Amino acid sequence: MRLRQWLKKNGVTYERFGELIDRDHGAVARYVAGKAIPRSDTMVKIYVVTNGEVPPNSFYDLPTLTASVGVAPVATASAAVADEPTALAV
């Protein structure tokens, strides 16, 4: 969910949300408008305040990944390491 959606859904103003994340309402307005991306420490606060409903990736225009993209999924690092003959057992 994007920040704009979360604020509307929860009836939270830019000013109130800014207080919750230690930023001014202007910063919140810029995040909502896509004119600024929060710093990592602010992203953590947003994630916590929204109970994970607004994840850091929501501030980036990332494509939605589906099986039809045509790219084979990458094996997980743990699976790849387990298949390595030189990997140490943990």
Protein backbone atom coordinates (compact mmCIF):
# COMPACT_ATOMS: atom_id res chain seq x y z
CA MET A 1 0.00 0.00 0.00
CA ARG A 2 1.19 3.51 -0.73
CA LEU A 3 1.39 6.21 1.91
CA ARG A 4 -1.42 8.26 0.34
CA GLN A 5 -3.75 5.25 0.56
CA TRP A 6 -2.78 4.52 4.16
CA LEU A 7 -3.33 8.11 5.28
CA LYS A 8 -6.77 8.23 3.64
CA LYS A 9 -7.78 4.80 4.95
CA ASN A 10 -6.82 5.75 8.49
CA GLY A 11 -7.97 9.39 8.41
CA VAL A 12 -4.51 10.67 9.33
CA THR A 13 -3.47 14.18 8.29
CA TYR A 14 -0.05 15.03 6.89
CA GLU A 15 0.63 17.07 10.00
CA ARG A 16 -0.26 14.25 12.41
CA PHE A 17 1.69 11.70 10.42
CA GLY A 18 4.68 14.02 10.35
CA GLU A 19 4.57 14.19 14.15
CA LEU A 20 4.54 10.40 14.34
CA ILE A 21 7.64 10.07 12.14
CA ASP A 22 9.47 13.19 13.36
CA ARG A 23 9.14 15.06 10.05
CA ASP A 24 7.16 18.17 9.11
CA HIS A 25 3.92 18.03 7.14
CA GLY A 26 5.73 19.39 4.08
CA ALA A 27 8.02 16.35 4.02
CA VAL A 28 5.00 14.06 4.26
CA ALA A 29 3.37 15.94 1.37
CA ARG A 30 6.51 15.44 -0.74
CA TYR A 31 6.57 11.70 0.07
CA VAL A 32 2.90 11.37 -0.90
CA ALA A 33 3.41 13.32 -4.14
CA GLY A 34 6.47 11.25 -5.07
CA LYS A 35 8.68 14.35 -5.09
CA ALA A 36 10.94 12.97 -2.34
CA ILE A 37 11.93 9.55 -1.05
CA PRO A 38 12.31 9.22 2.73
CA ARG A 39 15.75 8.55 4.18
CA SER A 40 16.26 5.04 5.48
CA ASP A 41 15.69 6.01 9.14
CA THR A 42 12.42 7.72 8.19
CA MET A 43 11.37 4.71 6.10
CA VAL A 44 11.77 2.52 9.18
CA LYS A 45 9.53 4.90 11.16
CA ILE A 46 6.92 4.87 8.39
CA TYR A 47 7.01 1.08 8.29
CA VAL A 48 6.58 0.84 12.06
CA VAL A 49 3.87 3.53 12.37
CA THR A 50 1.85 1.92 9.55
CA ASN A 51 2.32 -1.55 11.04
CA GLY A 52 4.09 -2.66 7.88
CA GLU A 53 1.28 -1.61 5.56
CA VAL A 54 3.51 0.97 3.82
CA PRO A 55 6.75 -0.86 3.00
CA PRO A 56 9.92 0.91 1.82
CA ASN A 57 9.48 -0.47 -1.72
CA SER A 58 6.24 1.49 -2.05
CA PHE A 59 8.32 4.66 -2.53
CA TYR A 60 9.86 3.28 -5.72
CA ASP A 61 8.19 2.59 -9.06
CA LEU A 62 9.05 -1.08 -9.21
CA PRO A 63 7.37 -3.41 -11.67
CA THR A 64 4.99 -6.03 -10.34
CA LEU A 65 6.69 -9.37 -10.73
CA THR A 66 4.69 -12.23 -12.12
CA ALA A 67 5.50 -15.63 -13.55
CA SER A 68 4.78 -14.25 -17.02
CA VAL A 69 7.77 -11.89 -16.96
CA GLY A 70 9.77 -14.58 -18.72
CA VAL A 71 12.73 -14.66 -16.36
CA ALA A 72 13.51 -17.78 -14.40
CA PRO A 73 13.49 -17.25 -10.63
CA VAL A 74 16.86 -17.07 -8.95
CA ALA A 75 17.64 -19.79 -6.43
CA THR A 76 17.85 -18.63 -2.85
CA ALA A 77 21.30 -18.01 -1.48
CA SER A 78 20.91 -20.77 1.10
CA ALA A 79 19.93 -23.30 -1.57
CA ALA A 80 22.82 -22.23 -3.80
CA VAL A 81 25.28 -22.49 -0.93
CA ALA A 82 23.99 -25.90 0.08
CA ASP A 83 24.66 -27.20 -3.44
CA GLU A 84 28.23 -25.92 -3.43
CA PRO A 85 30.73 -28.72 -2.80
CA THR A 86 32.92 -26.34 -0.80
CA ALA A 87 30.15 -25.01 1.45
CA LEU A 88 30.58 -25.51 5.17
CA ALA A 89 27.79 -27.24 7.06
CA VAL A 90 26.19 -24.91 9.54
